[in-house]
Structures are given as C-alpha cells and as structure tokens.
PDB file of N, CA and C in Angstrom:
ATOM      1  N   MET A   1     -11.154  -9.372 -15.766  1.00  0.00           N
ATOM      2  CA  MET A   1      -9.877  -8.733 -15.986  1.00  0.00           C
ATOM      3  C   MET A   1      -9.800  -8.345 -17.459  1.00  0.00           C
ATOM      4  N   ARG A   2      -9.213  -7.224 -17.720  1.00  0.00           N
ATOM      5  CA  ARG A   2      -9.055  -6.748 -19.098  1.00  0.00           C
ATOM      6  C   ARG A   2      -7.588  -6.410 -19.321  1.00  0.00           C
ATOM      7  N   GLY A   3      -6.997  -6.999 -20.339  1.00  0.00           N
ATOM      8  CA  GLY A   3      -5.619  -6.708 -20.706  1.00  0.00           C
ATOM      9  C   GLY A   3      -5.561  -6.126 -22.102  1.00  0.00           C
ATOM     10  N   GLU A   4      -4.715  -5.128 -22.274  1.00  0.00           N
ATOM     11  CA  GLU A   4      -4.575  -4.487 -23.581  1.00  0.00           C
ATOM     12  C   GLU A   4      -3.108  -4.177 -23.847  1.00  0.00           C
ATOM     13  N   ILE A   5      -2.750  -4.226 -25.129  1.00  0.00           N
ATOM     14  CA  ILE A   5      -1.425  -3.827 -25.600  1.00  0.00           C
ATOM     15  C   ILE A   5      -1.593  -2.526 -26.362  1.00  0.00           C
ATOM     16  N   GLU A   6      -0.729  -1.565 -26.102  1.00  0.00           N
ATOM     17  CA  GLU A   6      -0.763  -0.304 -26.823  1.00  0.00           C
ATOM     18  C   GLU A   6       0.544  -0.143 -27.588  1.00  0.00           C
ATOM     19  N   ASN A   7       0.438  -0.020 -28.907  1.00  0.00           N
ATOM     20  CA  ASN A   7       1.610   0.207 -29.745  1.00  0.00           C
ATOM     21  C   ASN A   7       1.910   1.697 -29.739  1.00  0.00           C
ATOM     22  N   TRP A   8       3.038   2.081 -29.188  1.00  0.00           N
ATOM     23  CA  TRP A   8       3.402   3.489 -29.093  1.00  0.00           C
ATOM     24  C   TRP A   8       4.031   4.014 -30.385  1.00  0.00           C
ATOM     25  N   ASN A   9       4.134   3.127 -31.387  1.00  0.00           N
ATOM     26  CA  ASN A   9       4.650   3.489 -32.712  1.00  0.00           C
ATOM     27  C   ASN A   9       6.053   4.066 -32.682  1.00  0.00           C
ATOM     28  N   ASN A  10       6.843   3.643 -31.707  1.00  0.00           N
ATOM     29  CA  ASN A  10       8.246   4.063 -31.642  1.00  0.00           C
ATOM     30  C   ASN A  10       9.160   2.889 -31.296  1.00  0.00           C
ATOM     31  N   GLY A  11       8.633   1.661 -31.472  1.00  0.00           N
ATOM     32  CA  GLY A  11       9.390   0.465 -31.118  1.00  0.00           C
ATOM     33  C   GLY A  11       9.077  -0.064 -29.726  1.00  0.00           C
ATOM     34  N   TRP A  12       8.295   0.674 -28.962  1.00  0.00           N
ATOM     35  CA  TRP A  12       7.939   0.284 -27.608  1.00  0.00           C
ATOM     36  C   TRP A  12       6.435   0.050 -27.520  1.00  0.00           C
ATOM     37  N   TYR A  13       6.041  -0.782 -26.556  1.00  0.00           N
ATOM     38  CA  TYR A  13       4.633  -1.124 -26.352  1.00  0.00           C
ATOM     39  C   TYR A  13       4.275  -0.937 -24.890  1.00  0.00           C
ATOM     40  N   GLY A  14       3.045  -0.596 -24.632  1.00  0.00           N
ATOM     41  CA  GLY A  14       2.525  -0.535 -23.276  1.00  0.00           C
ATOM     42  C   GLY A  14       1.541  -1.669 -23.058  1.00  0.00           C
ATOM     43  N   VAL A  15       1.428  -2.124 -21.836  1.00  0.00           N
ATOM     44  CA  VAL A  15       0.455  -3.143 -21.459  1.00  0.00           C
ATOM     45  C   VAL A  15      -0.352  -2.574 -20.300  1.00  0.00           C
ATOM     46  N   SER A  16      -1.668  -2.633 -20.396  1.00  0.00           N
ATOM     47  CA  SER A  16      -2.514  -2.209 -19.279  1.00  0.00           C
ATOM     48  C   SER A  16      -3.366  -3.386 -18.837  1.00  0.00           C
ATOM     49  N   LEU A  17      -3.559  -3.485 -17.537  1.00  0.00           N
ATOM     50  CA  LEU A  17      -4.399  -4.523 -16.944  1.00  0.00           C
ATOM     51  C   LEU A  17      -5.443  -3.842 -16.073  1.00  0.00           C
ATOM     52  N   GLY A  18      -6.709  -4.123 -16.327  1.00  0.00           N
ATOM     53  CA  GLY A  18      -7.796  -3.645 -15.482  1.00  0.00           C
ATOM     54  C   GLY A  18      -8.320  -4.801 -14.653  1.00  0.00           C
ATOM     55  N   LEU A  19      -8.300  -4.670 -13.339  1.00  0.00           N
ATOM     56  CA  LEU A  19      -8.695  -5.751 -12.436  1.00  0.00           C
ATOM     57  C   LEU A  19      -9.855  -5.326 -11.555  1.00  0.00           C
ATOM     58  N   SER A  20     -10.726  -6.280 -11.245  1.00  0.00           N
ATOM     59  CA  SER A  20     -11.778  -6.052 -10.264  1.00  0.00           C
ATOM     60  C   SER A  20     -11.152  -6.128  -8.865  1.00  0.00           C
ATOM     61  N   VAL A  21     -11.884  -5.690  -7.858  1.00  0.00           N
ATOM     62  CA  VAL A  21     -11.394  -5.766  -6.479  1.00  0.00           C
ATOM     63  C   VAL A  21     -11.094  -7.218  -6.109  1.00  0.00           C
ATOM     64  N   ALA A  22     -11.957  -8.148  -6.502  1.00  0.00           N
ATOM     65  CA  ALA A  22     -11.727  -9.570  -6.208  1.00  0.00           C
ATOM     66  C   ALA A  22     -10.452 -10.065  -6.897  1.00  0.00           C
ATOM     67  N   GLU A  23     -10.205  -9.602  -8.124  1.00  0.00           N
ATOM     68  CA  GLU A  23      -8.991 -10.016  -8.836  1.00  0.00           C
ATOM     69  C   GLU A  23      -7.743  -9.409  -8.195  1.00  0.00           C
ATOM     70  N   ILE A  24      -7.860  -8.200  -7.660  1.00  0.00           N
ATOM     71  CA  ILE A  24      -6.730  -7.602  -6.939  1.00  0.00           C
ATOM     72  C   ILE A  24      -6.400  -8.449  -5.716  1.00  0.00           C
ATOM     73  N   ASP A  25      -7.420  -8.877  -4.979  1.00  0.00           N
ATOM     74  CA  ASP A  25      -7.196  -9.743  -3.823  1.00  0.00           C
ATOM     75  C   ASP A  25      -6.534 -11.053  -4.232  1.00  0.00           C
ATOM     76  N   HIS A  26      -6.974 -11.629  -5.349  1.00  0.00           N
ATOM     77  CA  HIS A  26      -6.387 -12.873  -5.849  1.00  0.00           C
ATOM     78  C   HIS A  26      -4.929 -12.643  -6.249  1.00  0.00           C
ATOM     79  N   LEU A  27      -4.642 -11.531  -6.923  1.00  0.00           N
ATOM     80  CA  LEU A  27      -3.268 -11.216  -7.324  1.00  0.00           C
ATOM     81  C   LEU A  27      -2.375 -11.047  -6.099  1.00  0.00           C
ATOM     82  N   ILE A  28      -2.866 -10.365  -5.069  1.00  0.00           N
ATOM     83  CA  ILE A  28      -2.094 -10.203  -3.836  1.00  0.00           C
ATOM     84  C   ILE A  28      -1.790 -11.563  -3.222  1.00  0.00           C
ATOM     85  N   ALA A  29      -2.783 -12.466  -3.219  1.00  0.00           N
ATOM     86  CA  ALA A  29      -2.572 -13.812  -2.677  1.00  0.00           C
ATOM     87  C   ALA A  29      -1.523 -14.568  -3.493  1.00  0.00           C
ATOM     88  N   LEU A  30      -1.584 -14.451  -4.821  1.00  0.00           N
ATOM     89  CA  LEU A  30      -0.595 -15.120  -5.676  1.00  0.00           C
ATOM     90  C   LEU A  30       0.802 -14.554  -5.448  1.00  0.00           C
ATOM     91  N   LEU A  31       0.912 -13.234  -5.318  1.00  0.00           N
ATOM     92  CA  LEU A  31       2.214 -12.607  -5.067  1.00  0.00           C
ATOM     93  C   LEU A  31       2.749 -12.992  -3.686  1.00  0.00           C
ATOM     94  N   THR A  32       1.877 -13.083  -2.697  1.00  0.00           N
ATOM     95  CA  THR A  32       2.291 -13.516  -1.357  1.00  0.00           C
ATOM     96  C   THR A  32       2.816 -14.941  -1.405  1.00  0.00           C
ATOM     97  N   ASN A  33       2.101 -15.809  -2.121  1.00  0.00           N
ATOM     98  CA  ASN A  33       2.556 -17.195  -2.281  1.00  0.00           C
ATOM     99  C   ASN A  33       3.905 -17.238  -2.986  1.00  0.00           C
ATOM    100  N   LEU A  34       4.077 -16.414  -3.999  1.00  0.00           N
ATOM    101  CA  LEU A  34       5.334 -16.371  -4.747  1.00  0.00           C
ATOM    102  C   LEU A  34       6.479 -15.902  -3.849  1.00  0.00           C
ATOM    103  N   ARG A  35       6.221 -14.917  -3.015  1.00  0.00           N
ATOM    104  CA  ARG A  35       7.243 -14.446  -2.075  1.00  0.00           C
ATOM    105  C   ARG A  35       7.640 -15.565  -1.122  1.00  0.00           C
ATOM    106  N   ASN A  36       6.655 -16.348  -0.671  1.00  0.00           N
ATOM    107  CA  ASN A  36       6.914 -17.433   0.282  1.00  0.00           C
ATOM    108  C   ASN A  36       7.500 -18.673  -0.371  1.00  0.00           C
ATOM    109  N   GLU A  37       7.236 -18.867  -1.658  1.00  0.00           N
ATOM    110  CA  GLU A  37       7.740 -20.022  -2.404  1.00  0.00           C
ATOM    111  C   GLU A  37       8.369 -19.527  -3.703  1.00  0.00           C
ATOM    112  N   PRO A  38       9.583 -18.941  -3.632  1.00  0.00           N
ATOM    113  CA  PRO A  38      10.176 -18.276  -4.794  1.00  0.00           C
ATOM    114  C   PRO A  38      10.511 -19.200  -5.963  1.00  0.00           C
ATOM    115  N   GLU A  39      10.438 -20.491  -5.779  1.00  0.00           N
ATOM    116  CA  GLU A  39      10.678 -21.407  -6.901  1.00  0.00           C
ATOM    117  C   GLU A  39       9.431 -21.552  -7.779  1.00  0.00           C
ATOM    118  N   GLN A  40       8.309 -21.012  -7.321  1.00  0.00           N
ATOM    119  CA  GLN A  40       7.054 -21.096  -8.061  1.00  0.00           C
ATOM    120  C   GLN A  40       6.927 -19.934  -9.052  1.00  0.00           C
ATOM    121  N   HIS A  41       5.898 -19.969  -9.849  1.00  0.00           N
ATOM    122  CA  HIS A  41       5.543 -18.864 -10.736  1.00  0.00           C
ATOM    123  C   HIS A  41       4.047 -18.973 -11.016  1.00  0.00           C
ATOM    124  N   PHE A  42       3.486 -17.922 -11.625  1.00  0.00           N
ATOM    125  CA  PHE A  42       2.096 -17.997 -12.046  1.00  0.00           C
ATOM    126  C   PHE A  42       1.918 -17.209 -13.331  1.00  0.00           C
ATOM    127  N   HIS A  43       0.779 -17.412 -13.965  1.00  0.00           N
ATOM    128  CA  HIS A  43       0.480 -16.776 -15.244  1.00  0.00           C
ATOM    129  C   HIS A  43      -0.789 -15.945 -15.144  1.00  0.00           C
ATOM    130  N   ILE A  44      -0.808 -14.856 -15.857  1.00  0.00           N
ATOM    131  CA  ILE A  44      -2.025 -14.096 -16.118  1.00  0.00           C
ATOM    132  C   ILE A  44      -2.306 -14.360 -17.587  1.00  0.00           C
ATOM    133  N   SER A  45      -3.354 -15.113 -17.886  1.00  0.00           N
ATOM    134  CA  SER A  45      -3.581 -15.633 -19.228  1.00  0.00           C
ATOM    135  C   SER A  45      -4.840 -15.073 -19.878  1.00  0.00           C
ATOM    136  N   SER A  46      -4.801 -15.014 -21.187  1.00  0.00           N
ATOM    137  CA  SER A  46      -5.919 -14.538 -21.996  1.00  0.00           C
ATOM    138  C   SER A  46      -7.022 -15.575 -22.072  1.00  0.00           C
ATOM    139  N   ASP A  47      -8.212 -15.108 -22.464  1.00  0.00           N
ATOM    140  CA  ASP A  47      -9.280 -16.041 -22.805  1.00  0.00           C
ATOM    141  C   ASP A  47      -9.175 -16.446 -24.277  1.00  0.00           C
ATOM    142  N   TYR A  48      -8.232 -15.850 -24.997  1.00  0.00           N
ATOM    143  CA  TYR A  48      -7.938 -16.159 -26.407  1.00  0.00           C
ATOM    144  C   TYR A  48      -9.163 -16.011 -27.307  1.00  0.00           C
ATOM    145  N   VAL A  49     -10.062 -15.094 -26.955  1.00  0.00           N
ATOM    146  CA  VAL A  49     -11.201 -14.760 -27.798  1.00  0.00           C
ATOM    147  C   VAL A  49     -10.775 -13.597 -28.677  1.00  0.00           C
ATOM    148  N   GLY A  50     -11.032 -13.673 -29.954  1.00  0.00           N
ATOM    149  CA  GLY A  50     -10.626 -12.629 -30.888  1.00  0.00           C
ATOM    150  C   GLY A  50      -9.408 -13.054 -31.677  1.00  0.00           C
ATOM    151  N   PRO A  51      -9.086 -12.308 -32.715  1.00  0.00           N
ATOM    152  CA  PRO A  51      -8.023 -12.706 -33.625  1.00  0.00           C
ATOM    153  C   PRO A  51      -6.615 -12.488 -33.083  1.00  0.00           C
ATOM    154  N   GLU A  52      -6.433 -11.572 -32.121  1.00  0.00           N
ATOM    155  CA  GLU A  52      -5.104 -11.303 -31.590  1.00  0.00           C
ATOM    156  C   GLU A  52      -5.231 -10.543 -30.282  1.00  0.00           C
ATOM    157  N   GLY A  53      -4.126 -10.376 -29.594  1.00  0.00           N
ATOM    158  CA  GLY A  53      -4.125  -9.622 -28.350  1.00  0.00           C
ATOM    159  C   GLY A  53      -3.025 -10.088 -27.426  1.00  0.00           C
ATOM    160  N   LEU A  54      -3.149  -9.760 -26.177  1.00  0.00           N
ATOM    161  CA  LEU A  54      -2.195 -10.133 -25.147  1.00  0.00           C
ATOM    162  C   LEU A  54      -2.492 -11.570 -24.727  1.00  0.00           C
ATOM    163  N   GLY A  55      -1.546 -12.480 -24.923  1.00  0.00           N
ATOM    164  CA  GLY A  55      -1.782 -13.897 -24.670  1.00  0.00           C
ATOM    165  C   GLY A  55      -1.500 -14.349 -23.256  1.00  0.00           C
ATOM    166  N   ASP A  56      -0.364 -13.907 -22.686  1.00  0.00           N
ATOM    167  CA  ASP A  56       0.038 -14.452 -21.400  1.00  0.00           C
ATOM    168  C   ASP A  56       1.104 -13.560 -20.782  1.00  0.00           C
ATOM    169  N   ILE A  57       1.049 -13.428 -19.473  1.00  0.00           N
ATOM    170  CA  ILE A  57       2.104 -12.769 -18.705  1.00  0.00           C
ATOM    171  C   ILE A  57       2.537 -13.763 -17.636  1.00  0.00           C
ATOM    172  N   GLU A  58       3.813 -14.088 -17.601  1.00  0.00           N
ATOM    173  CA  GLU A  58       4.353 -14.977 -16.574  1.00  0.00           C
ATOM    174  C   GLU A  58       4.979 -14.126 -15.482  1.00  0.00           C
ATOM    175  N   VAL A  59       4.696 -14.473 -14.228  1.00  0.00           N
ATOM    176  CA  VAL A  59       5.241 -13.745 -13.086  1.00  0.00           C
ATOM    177  C   VAL A  59       6.086 -14.729 -12.277  1.00  0.00           C
ATOM    178  N   TYR A  60       7.329 -14.349 -12.011  1.00  0.00           N
ATOM    179  CA  TYR A  60       8.252 -15.223 -11.288  1.00  0.00           C
ATOM    180  C   TYR A  60       9.208 -14.374 -10.472  1.00  0.00           C
ATOM    181  N   VAL A  61       9.945 -15.014  -9.575  1.00  0.00           N
ATOM    182  CA  VAL A  61      10.960 -14.336  -8.777  1.00  0.00           C
ATOM    183  C   VAL A  61      12.256 -14.336  -9.580  1.00  0.00           C
ATOM    184  N   ALA A  62      12.783 -13.151  -9.845  1.00  0.00           N
ATOM    185  CA  ALA A  62      14.030 -13.029 -10.604  1.00  0.00           C
ATOM    186  C   ALA A  62      15.206 -13.537  -9.771  1.00  0.00           C
ATOM    187  N   GLU A  63      16.173 -14.101 -10.461  1.00  0.00           N
ATOM    188  CA  GLU A  63      17.388 -14.564  -9.803  1.00  0.00           C
ATOM    189  C   GLU A  63      18.166 -13.362  -9.252  1.00  0.00           C
ATOM    190  N   PRO A  64      18.781 -13.517  -8.085  1.00  0.00           N
ATOM    191  CA  PRO A  64      19.607 -12.424  -7.566  1.00  0.00           C
ATOM    192  C   PRO A  64      20.691 -12.052  -8.583  1.00  0.00           C
ATOM    193  N   GLY A  65      20.884 -10.768  -8.773  1.00  0.00           N
ATOM    194  CA  GLY A  65      21.913 -10.304  -9.692  1.00  0.00           C
ATOM    195  C   GLY A  65      21.489 -10.253 -11.148  1.00  0.00           C
ATOM    196  N   SER A  66      20.256 -10.680 -11.457  1.00  0.00           N
ATOM    197  CA  SER A  66      19.822 -10.626 -12.847  1.00  0.00           C
ATOM    198  C   SER A  66      19.614  -9.173 -13.258  1.00  0.00           C
ATOM    199  N   LEU A  67      19.778  -8.896 -14.540  1.00  0.00           N
ATOM    200  CA  LEU A  67      19.647  -7.535 -15.050  1.00  0.00           C
ATOM    201  C   LEU A  67      18.187  -7.116 -15.079  1.00  0.00           C
ATOM    202  N   ASN A  68      17.925  -5.888 -14.713  1.00  0.00           N
ATOM    203  CA  ASN A  68      16.578  -5.336 -14.738  1.00  0.00           C
ATOM    204  C   ASN A  68      16.383  -4.506 -15.994  1.00  0.00           C
ATOM    205  N   ASN A  69      15.165  -4.544 -16.552  1.00  0.00           N
ATOM    206  CA  ASN A  69      14.840  -3.647 -17.663  1.00  0.00           C
ATOM    207  C   ASN A  69      13.484  -2.970 -17.451  1.00  0.00           C
ATOM    208  N   MET A  70      12.926  -3.089 -16.244  1.00  0.00           N
ATOM    209  CA  MET A  70      11.675  -2.429 -15.883  1.00  0.00           C
ATOM    210  C   MET A  70      11.739  -2.079 -14.402  1.00  0.00           C
ATOM    211  N   HIS A  71      10.808  -1.224 -13.961  1.00  0.00           N
ATOM    212  CA  HIS A  71      10.710  -0.877 -12.543  1.00  0.00           C
ATOM    213  C   HIS A  71       9.246  -0.640 -12.193  1.00  0.00           C
ATOM    214  N   LEU A  72       8.966  -0.649 -10.914  1.00  0.00           N
ATOM    215  CA  LEU A  72       7.612  -0.371 -10.430  1.00  0.00           C
ATOM    216  C   LEU A  72       7.438   1.133 -10.293  1.00  0.00           C
ATOM    217  N   GLY A  73       6.277   1.616 -10.693  1.00  0.00           N
ATOM    218  CA  GLY A  73       5.972   3.029 -10.561  1.00  0.00           C
ATOM    219  C   GLY A  73       5.244   3.302  -9.260  1.00  0.00           C
ATOM    220  N   SER A  74       4.664   4.465  -9.184  1.00  0.00           N
ATOM    221  CA  SER A  74       3.936   4.853  -7.980  1.00  0.00           C
ATOM    222  C   SER A  74       2.489   5.174  -8.329  1.00  0.00           C
ATOM    223  N   LYS A  75       1.760   5.592  -7.343  1.00  0.00           N
ATOM    224  CA  LYS A  75       0.358   5.974  -7.522  1.00  0.00           C
ATOM    225  C   LYS A  75       0.257   7.069  -8.588  1.00  0.00           C
ATOM    226  N   ALA A  76      -0.750   6.971  -9.435  1.00  0.00           N
ATOM    227  CA  ALA A  76      -0.986   7.985 -10.459  1.00  0.00           C
ATOM    228  C   ALA A  76      -1.428   9.282  -9.791  1.00  0.00           C
ATOM    229  N   LEU A  77      -0.864  10.384 -10.238  1.00  0.00           N
ATOM    230  CA  LEU A  77      -1.201  11.689  -9.690  1.00  0.00           C
ATOM    231  C   LEU A  77      -1.814  12.557 -10.763  1.00  0.00           C
ATOM    232  N   ALA A  78      -2.701  13.420 -10.356  1.00  0.00           N
ATOM    233  CA  ALA A  78      -3.308  14.373 -11.289  1.00  0.00           C
ATOM    234  C   ALA A  78      -2.310  15.502 -11.562  1.00  0.00           C
ATOM    235  N   PRO A  79      -2.410  16.148 -12.724  1.00  0.00           N
ATOM    236  CA  PRO A  79      -1.526  17.283 -13.004  1.00  0.00           C
ATOM    237  C   PRO A  79      -1.603  18.315 -11.881  1.00  0.00           C
ATOM    238  N   GLY A  80      -0.456  18.767 -11.431  1.00  0.00           N
ATOM    239  CA  GLY A  80      -0.395  19.757 -10.369  1.00  0.00           C
ATOM    240  C   GLY A  80      -0.340  19.192  -8.966  1.00  0.00           C
ATOM    241  N   ASP A  81      -0.607  17.893  -8.786  1.00  0.00           N
ATOM    242  CA  ASP A  81      -0.513  17.278  -7.472  1.00  0.00           C
ATOM    243  C   ASP A  81       0.944  17.224  -7.038  1.00  0.00           C
ATOM    244  N   SER A  82       1.187  17.342  -5.758  1.00  0.00           N
ATOM    245  CA  SER A  82       2.543  17.203  -5.255  1.00  0.00           C
ATOM    246  C   SER A  82       2.809  15.747  -4.913  1.00  0.00           C
ATOM    247  N   ILE A  83       4.047  15.339  -5.072  1.00  0.00           N
ATOM    248  CA  ILE A  83       4.439  13.961  -4.800  1.00  0.00           C
ATOM    249  C   ILE A  83       4.623  13.819  -3.295  1.00  0.00           C
ATOM    250  N   PRO A  84       3.928  12.859  -2.673  1.00  0.00           N
ATOM    251  CA  PRO A  84       4.039  12.701  -1.206  1.00  0.00           C
ATOM    252  C   PRO A  84       5.412  12.203  -0.794  1.00  0.00           C
TER     253      PRO A  84
END
C-alpha cells in the first residue's frame, strides 16, 4: 500500500492511497466488519520509514446526526466521457 499527502498550497491537502488487489479485498472485509459491528474501528497505518509523511488514518462509523465535511466520489472518468 502506498499513501501520500499532497499540499495544494491553498490551505487544503489531498491524500492518495494506492492499494493492491489483495489490499482492496482486505479493506472490503474490514469495512464489512465495521458495518456489522459499528462500535469497532480500524486504522490504515504507516510503516514510519522516512522523516515524515502520512502516519495514520482511522476509520469508524460516524454517529447519527454528526456533521459531515467530506463525501464519497465516483469512478474517475476521462475527459469527454459521459457520466453514467
């Protein structure tokens, strides 16, 4: 798995995660477990090699009614593609 932080130089940052097929399957299993046991959580953690970088992402079930500040996107489309 590869995680990166991108400084957009406007006060905002992007995070990208590159996963292998096996890691995608593992993530799906963790998310399924989280859906079935919403009191649980899991972490996507760094190997902490190097002087700095993305350290940890915690994934949990948000409380009902909590404020949102992000959303899920859709499949990436090439320029000119129509949205299905």
